[in-house]
Amino acid sequence: MNLTLYVWRQKNARDRGRMVRYQATGISQHMSFLEMLDVVNEGLIGRGEEPIAFDNDCREGICGMCGCMVNGRAHGPLKGVTLCQLHMRHFHDGDVLYLEPWRARAFPVVKDLVVDRGALDRIIAAGGYISVSAGSAPEANSIPVPKEKAERAMDAAACIGCGACVAQCPNASAALFTGAKIAHLGLLPHGELERDGRARAMVAQMTREAFGQCTNIGECEVVCPKRIELEVIARMHHDYLAASLFRRDSDAAVEAEPAAKR
């Protein structure tokens, strides 16, 4: 299989960047998309050229590191997969592919297809955790969790923080990501005590990171490799509005630490 690639090449966040044309030849349909890029890079290195920089780690759809726009769609044309899980058998000989990094003000380009997604980490650091006393692990069944809530919480917890939702959203909103993290903990009794402070702190941090506002277009849900549903955004808005109406002393632990770091 032979392909024509137009790849975004950019040295750093200050560079203007440009699309560069490459030929990918002798590509096996059994390769993953990242393996195809490996082959292209081997050819570039052999010719003494700079290889294409792209993020990757586990290559099993777990870490959330990989990702780029393929013909205008985050992670490529298939639903429910990351870029490393996309295989070349879903393309055809002679196809022309345009590869671009995530486009969002909150995701500055590091190099080529690599962007800095530290903004997502800072949203989690603002309140995406449960405060517990250090010591031995508690008994697993000491706090009963209804089956329905457990399943919904685990569905939200499937989010790997890849940033595809932000990249695909016309507003570059991180509402699906933030909503998933808030819902994951807020649905469980373990996270109920800090629920109000968590919602306020994480939404405030999301705003500070210059993500756009959600207007319920729904493209984030379409490209999410873990099929996170828009329901988590509605839950985030519910928790944030409810938390804004009153304040409990228990919220202080969640909001004090991020404030101190700022």
C-alpha atoms as a PDB file:
ATOM      1  CA  MET A   1       0.000   0.000   0.000  1.00  0.00           C
ATOM      2  CA  ASN A   2       1.283   3.459  -0.942  1.00  0.00           C
ATOM      3  CA  LEU A   3      -0.039   6.641   0.661  1.00  0.00           C
ATOM      4  CA  THR A   4       0.502  10.365   0.307  1.00  0.00           C
ATOM      5  CA  LEU A   5       0.859  12.163   3.634  1.00  0.00           C
ATOM      6  CA  TYR A   6       0.604  15.880   4.291  1.00  0.00           C
ATOM      7  CA  VAL A   7       2.059  16.313   7.779  1.00  0.00           C
ATOM      8  CA  TRP A   8       2.118  19.451   9.899  1.00  0.00           C
ATOM      9  CA  ARG A   9       5.760  20.267  10.695  1.00  0.00           C
ATOM     10  CA  GLN A  10       6.456  22.857  13.391  1.00  0.00           C
ATOM     11  CA  LYS A  11       9.706  23.246  15.324  1.00  0.00           C
ATOM     12  CA  ASN A  12       8.143  24.754  18.459  1.00  0.00           C
ATOM     13  CA  ALA A  13       5.241  26.879  19.700  1.00  0.00           C
ATOM     14  CA  ARG A  14       6.793  30.045  18.246  1.00  0.00           C
ATOM     15  CA  ASP A  15       7.385  28.614  14.768  1.00  0.00           C
ATOM     16  CA  ARG A  16       4.736  29.277  12.103  1.00  0.00           C
ATOM     17  CA  GLY A  17       4.682  25.678  10.928  1.00  0.00           C
ATOM     18  CA  ARG A  18       3.630  24.270   7.540  1.00  0.00           C
ATOM     19  CA  MET A  19       2.267  21.185   5.815  1.00  0.00           C
ATOM     20  CA  VAL A  20       4.941  18.972   4.243  1.00  0.00           C
ATOM     21  CA  ARG A  21       4.249  16.239   1.692  1.00  0.00           C
ATOM     22  CA  TYR A  22       5.662  12.722   2.184  1.00  0.00           C
ATOM     23  CA  GLN A  23       5.236   9.415   0.406  1.00  0.00           C
ATOM     24  CA  ALA A  24       4.583   6.359   2.547  1.00  0.00           C
ATOM     25  CA  THR A  25       5.469   3.313   0.453  1.00  0.00           C
ATOM     26  CA  GLY A  26       5.318  -0.402   1.126  1.00  0.00           C
ATOM     27  CA  ILE A  27       2.850  -0.017   3.993  1.00  0.00           C
ATOM     28  CA  SER A  28       1.280  -3.242   5.238  1.00  0.00           C
ATOM     29  CA  GLN A  29      -2.442  -3.258   5.943  1.00  0.00           C
ATOM     30  CA  HIS A  30      -1.650  -5.030   9.212  1.00  0.00           C
ATOM     31  CA  MET A  31       0.332  -2.083  10.574  1.00  0.00           C
ATOM     32  CA  SER A  32      -1.141   0.299  13.098  1.00  0.00           C
ATOM     33  CA  PHE A  33      -1.208   3.984  12.196  1.00  0.00           C
ATOM     34  CA  LEU A  34       1.743   4.660  14.490  1.00  0.00           C
ATOM     35  CA  GLU A  35       3.706   1.803  12.958  1.00  0.00           C
ATOM     36  CA  MET A  36       3.097   3.399   9.568  1.00  0.00           C
ATOM     37  CA  LEU A  37       4.582   6.647  10.937  1.00  0.00           C
ATOM     38  CA  ASP A  38       7.530   4.633  12.269  1.00  0.00           C
ATOM     39  CA  VAL A  39       8.200   3.370   8.727  1.00  0.00           C
ATOM     40  CA  VAL A  40       8.004   6.908   7.343  1.00  0.00           C
ATOM     41  CA  ASN A  41      10.412   8.115  10.016  1.00  0.00           C
ATOM     42  CA  GLU A  42      12.875   5.327   9.267  1.00  0.00           C
ATOM     43  CA  GLY A  43      12.969   6.556   5.680  1.00  0.00           C
ATOM     44  CA  LEU A  44      13.454  10.164   6.783  1.00  0.00           C
ATOM     45  CA  ILE A  45      16.280   9.224   9.138  1.00  0.00           C
ATOM     46  CA  GLY A  46      17.911   7.163   6.387  1.00  0.00           C
ATOM     47  CA  ARG A  47      17.932  10.252   4.163  1.00  0.00           C
ATOM     48  CA  GLY A  48      19.335  12.417   6.932  1.00  0.00           C
ATOM     49  CA  GLU A  49      16.077  14.318   7.471  1.00  0.00           C
ATOM     50  CA  GLU A  50      14.319  15.227  10.722  1.00  0.00           C
ATOM     51  CA  PRO A  51      11.770  12.533  11.716  1.00  0.00           C
ATOM     52  CA  ILE A  52       8.153  13.433  12.405  1.00  0.00           C
ATOM     53  CA  ALA A  53       7.552  13.986  16.121  1.00  0.00           C
ATOM     54  CA  PHE A  54       4.401  12.357  17.494  1.00  0.00           C
ATOM     55  CA  ASP A  55       3.260  11.309  20.967  1.00  0.00           C
ATOM     56  CA  ASN A  56       2.997   7.634  21.906  1.00  0.00           C
ATOM     57  CA  ASP A  57       3.581   5.345  24.854  1.00  0.00           C
ATOM     58  CA  CYS A  58       1.692   2.110  25.506  1.00  0.00           C
ATOM     59  CA  ARG A  59       0.235   1.723  21.988  1.00  0.00           C
ATOM     60  CA  GLU A  60      -2.648  -0.213  23.493  1.00  0.00           C
ATOM     61  CA  GLY A  61      -5.282   2.520  23.759  1.00  0.00           C
ATOM     62  CA  ILE A  62      -4.763   2.969  27.497  1.00  0.00           C
ATOM     63  CA  CYS A  63      -2.295   5.782  28.155  1.00  0.00           C
ATOM     64  CA  GLY A  64      -3.959   8.584  26.169  1.00  0.00           C
ATOM     65  CA  MET A  65      -0.630   9.820  24.805  1.00  0.00           C
ATOM     66  CA  CYS A  66      -1.147   9.316  21.070  1.00  0.00           C
ATOM     67  CA  GLY A  67      -3.414  11.415  18.951  1.00  0.00           C
ATOM     68  CA  CYS A  68      -3.584  13.728  15.973  1.00  0.00           C
ATOM     69  CA  MET A  69      -6.132  14.889  13.440  1.00  0.00           C
ATOM     70  CA  VAL A  70      -6.411  12.565  10.438  1.00  0.00           C
ATOM     71  CA  ASN A  71      -8.266  14.261   7.592  1.00  0.00           C
ATOM     72  CA  GLY A  72      -9.905  16.600  10.080  1.00  0.00           C
ATOM     73  CA  ARG A  73     -11.020  13.967  12.574  1.00  0.00           C
ATOM     74  CA  ALA A  74      -9.402  13.269  15.941  1.00  0.00           C
ATOM     75  CA  HIS A  75      -7.866   9.763  16.052  1.00  0.00           C
ATOM     76  CA  GLY A  76      -8.947   9.074  12.490  1.00  0.00           C
ATOM     77  CA  PRO A  77     -12.119   7.757  10.821  1.00  0.00           C
ATOM     78  CA  LEU A  78     -13.107   4.960  13.222  1.00  0.00           C
ATOM     79  CA  LYS A  79     -15.216   5.349  16.351  1.00  0.00           C
ATOM     80  CA  GLY A  80     -14.098   4.145  19.767  1.00  0.00           C
ATOM     81  CA  VAL A  81     -10.371   3.780  19.024  1.00  0.00           C
ATOM     82  CA  THR A  82      -7.224   5.742  19.680  1.00  0.00           C
ATOM     83  CA  LEU A  83      -4.708   6.495  16.930  1.00  0.00           C
ATOM     84  CA  CYS A  84      -2.510   3.566  17.982  1.00  0.00           C
ATOM     85  CA  GLN A  85      -5.493   1.200  17.614  1.00  0.00           C
ATOM     86  CA  LEU A  86      -6.289   2.430  14.112  1.00  0.00           C
ATOM     87  CA  HIS A  87      -4.944  -0.017  11.517  1.00  0.00           C
ATOM     88  CA  MET A  88      -3.977   0.640   7.922  1.00  0.00           C
ATOM     89  CA  ARG A  89      -6.480  -1.902   6.608  1.00  0.00           C
ATOM     90  CA  HIS A  90      -9.086   0.839   7.057  1.00  0.00           C
ATOM     91  CA  PHE A  91      -7.369   2.892   4.341  1.00  0.00           C
ATOM     92  CA  HIS A  92      -6.825   2.240   0.639  1.00  0.00           C
ATOM     93  CA  ASP A  93      -3.858   2.278  -1.698  1.00  0.00           C
ATOM     94  CA  GLY A  94      -3.353   5.788  -3.013  1.00  0.00           C
ATOM     95  CA  ASP A  95      -5.206   7.555  -0.186  1.00  0.00           C
ATOM     96  CA  VAL A  96      -4.171  11.089   0.704  1.00  0.00           C
ATOM     97  CA  LEU A  97      -4.016  11.780   4.450  1.00  0.00           C
ATOM     98  CA  TYR A  98      -3.663  15.124   6.207  1.00  0.00           C
ATOM     99  CA  LEU A  99      -2.120  14.883   9.695  1.00  0.00           C
ATOM    100  CA  GLU A 100      -2.356  17.824  12.088  1.00  0.00           C
ATOM    101  CA  PRO A 101      -1.833  18.275  15.838  1.00  0.00           C
ATOM    102  CA  TRP A 102      -4.662  19.001  18.285  1.00  0.00           C
ATOM    103  CA  ARG A 103      -5.779  22.574  17.576  1.00  0.00           C
ATOM    104  CA  ALA A 104      -6.549  24.428  20.814  1.00  0.00           C
ATOM    105  CA  ARG A 105      -5.188  27.510  22.529  1.00  0.00           C
ATOM    106  CA  ALA A 106      -4.810  25.466  25.709  1.00  0.00           C
ATOM    107  CA  PHE A 107      -2.680  22.883  23.839  1.00  0.00           C
ATOM    108  CA  PRO A 108       0.424  24.726  22.564  1.00  0.00           C
ATOM    109  CA  VAL A 109       2.409  22.806  19.958  1.00  0.00           C
ATOM    110  CA  VAL A 110       5.648  21.332  21.299  1.00  0.00           C
ATOM    111  CA  LYS A 111       6.825  19.987  17.950  1.00  0.00           C
ATOM    112  CA  ASP A 112       5.084  18.708  14.822  1.00  0.00           C
ATOM    113  CA  LEU A 113       2.171  16.538  16.011  1.00  0.00           C
ATOM    114  CA  VAL A 114       3.094  16.798  19.715  1.00  0.00           C
ATOM    115  CA  VAL A 115       1.168  19.233  21.922  1.00  0.00           C
ATOM    116  CA  ASP A 116       1.413  20.151  25.587  1.00  0.00           C
ATOM    117  CA  ARG A 117      -1.680  18.747  27.325  1.00  0.00           C
ATOM    118  CA  GLY A 118      -0.571  19.846  30.777  1.00  0.00           C
ATOM    119  CA  ALA A 119      -3.774  21.891  31.067  1.00  0.00           C
ATOM    120  CA  LEU A 120      -5.719  18.658  31.558  1.00  0.00           C
ATOM    121  CA  ASP A 121      -3.368  17.594  34.344  1.00  0.00           C
ATOM    122  CA  ARG A 122      -3.869  20.921  36.084  1.00  0.00           C
ATOM    123  CA  ILE A 123      -7.655  20.480  35.959  1.00  0.00           C
ATOM    124  CA  ILE A 124      -7.290  17.136  37.733  1.00  0.00           C
ATOM    125  CA  ALA A 125      -4.864  18.617  40.262  1.00  0.00           C
ATOM    126  CA  ALA A 126      -7.448  21.287  41.080  1.00  0.00           C
ATOM    127  CA  GLY A 127      -9.817  18.730  42.585  1.00  0.00           C
ATOM    128  CA  GLY A 128      -9.946  15.436  40.720  1.00  0.00           C
ATOM    129  CA  TYR A 129      -9.135  13.302  43.722  1.00  0.00           C
ATOM    130  CA  ILE A 130     -10.535  12.092  47.050  1.00  0.00           C
ATOM    131  CA  SER A 131      -8.746  13.164  50.221  1.00  0.00           C
ATOM    132  CA  VAL A 132      -8.054  10.229  52.524  1.00  0.00           C
ATOM    133  CA  SER A 133      -5.911   9.656  55.585  1.00  0.00           C
ATOM    134  CA  ALA A 134      -2.704   7.768  54.836  1.00  0.00           C
ATOM    135  CA  GLY A 135      -2.587   4.232  56.149  1.00  0.00           C
ATOM    136  CA  SER A 136      -3.679   0.748  55.197  1.00  0.00           C
ATOM    137  CA  ALA A 137      -6.242   0.239  52.465  1.00  0.00           C
ATOM    138  CA  PRO A 138      -9.856   0.170  53.694  1.00  0.00           C
ATOM    139  CA  GLU A 139     -12.004  -2.908  53.360  1.00  0.00           C
ATOM    140  CA  ALA A 140     -13.331  -3.023  49.799  1.00  0.00           C
ATOM    141  CA  ASN A 141     -16.934  -3.647  50.833  1.00  0.00           C
ATOM    142  CA  SER A 142     -17.038  -1.244  53.784  1.00  0.00           C
ATOM    143  CA  ILE A 143     -18.990   1.330  51.742  1.00  0.00           C
ATOM    144  CA  PRO A 144     -21.786  -0.209  49.644  1.00  0.00           C
ATOM    145  CA  VAL A 145     -22.092   1.260  46.141  1.00  0.00           C
ATOM    146  CA  PRO A 146     -25.327   0.731  44.167  1.00  0.00           C
ATOM    147  CA  LYS A 147     -24.739  -1.160  40.928  1.00  0.00           C
ATOM    148  CA  GLU A 148     -26.160   1.581  38.700  1.00  0.00           C
ATOM    149  CA  LYS A 149     -23.936   4.266  40.204  1.00  0.00           C
ATOM    150  CA  ALA A 150     -20.894   2.004  40.115  1.00  0.00           C
ATOM    151  CA  GLU A 151     -21.385   1.325  36.403  1.00  0.00           C
ATOM    152  CA  ARG A 152     -21.917   5.000  35.550  1.00  0.00           C
ATOM    153  CA  ALA A 153     -18.876   5.998  37.596  1.00  0.00           C
ATOM    154  CA  MET A 154     -16.703   3.410  35.868  1.00  0.00           C
ATOM    155  CA  ASP A 155     -17.979   4.513  32.447  1.00  0.00           C
ATOM    156  CA  ALA A 156     -16.819   8.042  33.263  1.00  0.00           C
ATOM    157  CA  ALA A 157     -13.542   6.753  34.724  1.00  0.00           C
ATOM    158  CA  ALA A 158     -12.716   5.208  31.336  1.00  0.00           C
ATOM    159  CA  CYS A 159     -11.596   8.672  30.140  1.00  0.00           C
ATOM    160  CA  ILE A 160      -7.862   8.527  29.320  1.00  0.00           C
ATOM    161  CA  GLY A 161      -7.336  12.266  28.942  1.00  0.00           C
ATOM    162  CA  CYS A 162      -6.166  12.093  25.329  1.00  0.00           C
ATOM    163  CA  GLY A 163      -7.634  15.501  24.466  1.00  0.00           C
ATOM    164  CA  ALA A 164      -9.512  14.366  21.354  1.00  0.00           C
ATOM    165  CA  CYS A 165     -12.709  15.961  22.672  1.00  0.00           C
ATOM    166  CA  VAL A 166     -10.964  19.340  22.893  1.00  0.00           C
ATOM    167  CA  ALA A 167      -9.388  18.988  19.457  1.00  0.00           C
ATOM    168  CA  GLN A 168     -12.658  18.099  17.727  1.00  0.00           C
ATOM    169  CA  CYS A 169     -14.833  20.667  19.492  1.00  0.00           C
ATOM    170  CA  PRO A 170     -15.283  23.863  17.400  1.00  0.00           C
ATOM    171  CA  ASN A 171     -14.996  25.793  20.679  1.00  0.00           C
ATOM    172  CA  ALA A 172     -11.985  23.808  21.958  1.00  0.00           C
ATOM    173  CA  SER A 173     -13.962  22.996  25.096  1.00  0.00           C
ATOM    174  CA  ALA A 174     -12.738  20.574  27.753  1.00  0.00           C
ATOM    175  CA  ALA A 175     -16.228  20.043  29.152  1.00  0.00           C
ATOM    176  CA  LEU A 176     -16.380  16.327  28.296  1.00  0.00           C
ATOM    177  CA  PHE A 177     -13.028  15.645  29.953  1.00  0.00           C
ATOM    178  CA  THR A 178     -13.787  17.722  33.060  1.00  0.00           C
ATOM    179  CA  GLY A 179     -17.306  16.342  33.279  1.00  0.00           C
ATOM    180  CA  ALA A 180     -15.988  12.778  33.154  1.00  0.00           C
ATOM    181  CA  LYS A 181     -13.541  13.420  35.988  1.00  0.00           C
ATOM    182  CA  ILE A 182     -16.176  15.130  38.133  1.00  0.00           C
ATOM    183  CA  ALA A 183     -18.796  12.437  37.444  1.00  0.00           C
ATOM    184  CA  HIS A 184     -16.356   9.608  38.131  1.00  0.00           C
ATOM    185  CA  LEU A 185     -15.806  10.727  41.724  1.00  0.00           C
ATOM    186  CA  GLY A 186     -19.124  12.496  42.349  1.00  0.00           C
ATOM    187  CA  LEU A 187     -21.204   9.400  41.643  1.00  0.00           C
ATOM    188  CA  LEU A 188     -19.417   7.384  44.337  1.00  0.00           C
ATOM    189  CA  PRO A 189     -20.142   7.782  48.063  1.00  0.00           C
ATOM    190  CA  HIS A 190     -16.394   8.115  48.650  1.00  0.00           C
ATOM    191  CA  GLY A 191     -16.390  11.400  46.739  1.00  0.00           C
ATOM    192  CA  GLU A 192     -19.615  12.870  48.122  1.00  0.00           C
ATOM    193  CA  LEU A 193     -18.000  14.849  50.964  1.00  0.00           C
ATOM    194  CA  GLU A 194     -15.853  16.963  48.606  1.00  0.00           C
ATOM    195  CA  ARG A 195     -18.327  17.028  45.742  1.00  0.00           C
ATOM    196  CA  ASP A 196     -19.185  20.739  45.872  1.00  0.00           C
ATOM    197  CA  GLY A 197     -15.636  22.016  46.224  1.00  0.00           C
ATOM    198  CA  ARG A 198     -14.425  19.624  43.548  1.00  0.00           C
ATOM    199  CA  ALA A 199     -16.926  20.908  40.999  1.00  0.00           C
ATOM    200  CA  ARG A 200     -16.156  24.554  41.696  1.00  0.00           C
ATOM    201  CA  ALA A 201     -12.397  24.098  41.687  1.00  0.00           C
ATOM    202  CA  MET A 202     -12.175  21.993  38.522  1.00  0.00           C
ATOM    203  CA  VAL A 203     -14.558  24.160  36.502  1.00  0.00           C
ATOM    204  CA  ALA A 204     -12.667  27.275  37.642  1.00  0.00           C
ATOM    205  CA  GLN A 205      -9.364  25.722  36.570  1.00  0.00           C
ATOM    206  CA  MET A 206     -10.840  24.722  33.222  1.00  0.00           C
ATOM    207  CA  THR A 207     -11.800  28.359  32.676  1.00  0.00           C
ATOM    208  CA  ARG A 208      -8.345  29.604  33.663  1.00  0.00           C
ATOM    209  CA  GLU A 209      -6.755  27.270  31.104  1.00  0.00           C
ATOM    210  CA  ALA A 210      -8.509  29.167  28.274  1.00  0.00           C
ATOM    211  CA  PHE A 211     -10.632  26.288  27.018  1.00  0.00           C
ATOM    212  CA  GLY A 212     -13.760  27.334  25.140  1.00  0.00           C
ATOM    213  CA  GLN A 213     -17.318  27.062  26.385  1.00  0.00           C
ATOM    214  CA  CYS A 214     -19.468  24.012  25.663  1.00  0.00           C
ATOM    215  CA  THR A 215     -22.418  24.652  23.351  1.00  0.00           C
ATOM    216  CA  ASN A 216     -23.606  21.020  23.188  1.00  0.00           C
ATOM    217  CA  ILE A 217     -22.589  20.427  19.586  1.00  0.00           C
ATOM    218  CA  GLY A 218     -21.673  16.853  20.485  1.00  0.00           C
ATOM    219  CA  GLU A 219     -18.581  16.314  18.325  1.00  0.00           C
ATOM    220  CA  CYS A 220     -16.595  15.500  21.466  1.00  0.00           C
ATOM    221  CA  GLU A 221     -18.770  12.459  22.151  1.00  0.00           C
ATOM    222  CA  VAL A 222     -18.398  11.242  18.562  1.00  0.00           C
ATOM    223  CA  VAL A 223     -14.586  11.126  18.604  1.00  0.00           C
ATOM    224  CA  CYS A 224     -14.042  10.027  22.220  1.00  0.00           C
ATOM    225  CA  PRO A 225     -12.110   6.737  22.025  1.00  0.00           C
ATOM    226  CA  LYS A 226     -13.720   5.552  25.275  1.00  0.00           C
ATOM    227  CA  ARG A 227     -17.246   6.598  24.242  1.00  0.00           C
ATOM    228  CA  ILE A 228     -17.785   9.001  27.146  1.00  0.00           C
ATOM    229  CA  GLU A 229     -21.330  10.364  26.831  1.00  0.00           C
ATOM    230  CA  LEU A 230     -22.562  13.962  26.974  1.00  0.00           C
ATOM    231  CA  GLU A 231     -24.421  13.079  30.167  1.00  0.00           C
ATOM    232  CA  VAL A 232     -21.248  13.828  32.136  1.00  0.00           C
ATOM    233  CA  ILE A 233     -21.343  17.452  30.951  1.00  0.00           C
ATOM    234  CA  ALA A 234     -24.901  17.840  32.218  1.00  0.00           C
ATOM    235  CA  ARG A 235     -23.827  16.347  35.558  1.00  0.00           C
ATOM    236  CA  MET A 236     -20.883  18.750  35.735  1.00  0.00           C
ATOM    237  CA  HIS A 237     -23.191  21.735  35.191  1.00  0.00           C
ATOM    238  CA  HIS A 238     -25.608  20.387  37.801  1.00  0.00           C
ATOM    239  CA  ASP A 239     -22.889  19.900  40.401  1.00  0.00           C
ATOM    240  CA  TYR A 240     -21.301  23.278  39.677  1.00  0.00           C
ATOM    241  CA  LEU A 241     -24.573  25.203  39.910  1.00  0.00           C
ATOM    242  CA  ALA A 242     -25.625  23.378  43.066  1.00  0.00           C
ATOM    243  CA  ALA A 243     -22.205  23.980  44.645  1.00  0.00           C
ATOM    244  CA  SER A 244     -22.362  27.666  43.763  1.00  0.00           C
ATOM    245  CA  LEU A 245     -25.534  28.135  45.810  1.00  0.00           C
ATOM    246  CA  PHE A 246     -23.957  27.139  49.116  1.00  0.00           C
ATOM    247  CA  ARG A 247     -20.571  26.388  50.610  1.00  0.00           C
ATOM    248  CA  ARG A 248     -19.636  23.768  53.145  1.00  0.00           C
ATOM    249  CA  ASP A 249     -16.567  23.696  55.347  1.00  0.00           C
ATOM    250  CA  SER A 250     -15.592  20.361  53.826  1.00  0.00           C
ATOM    251  CA  ASP A 251     -14.949  22.118  50.502  1.00  0.00           C
ATOM    252  CA  ALA A 252     -11.950  23.972  51.878  1.00  0.00           C
ATOM    253  CA  ALA A 253      -9.620  20.973  51.612  1.00  0.00           C
ATOM    254  CA  VAL A 254     -10.275  20.680  47.880  1.00  0.00           C
ATOM    255  CA  GLU A 255      -9.933  24.386  47.051  1.00  0.00           C
ATOM    256  CA  ALA A 256      -7.134  25.391  49.418  1.00  0.00           C
ATOM    257  CA  GLU A 257      -4.355  23.251  47.894  1.00  0.00           C
ATOM    258  CA  PRO A 258      -4.750  24.403  44.264  1.00  0.00           C
ATOM    259  CA  ALA A 259      -5.021  28.005  45.478  1.00  0.00           C
ATOM    260  CA  ALA A 260      -1.779  27.626  47.411  1.00  0.00           C
ATOM    261  CA  LYS A 261      -0.003  26.254  44.326  1.00  0.00           C
ATOM    262  CA  ARG A 262      -1.115  29.265  42.281  1.00  0.00           C
END
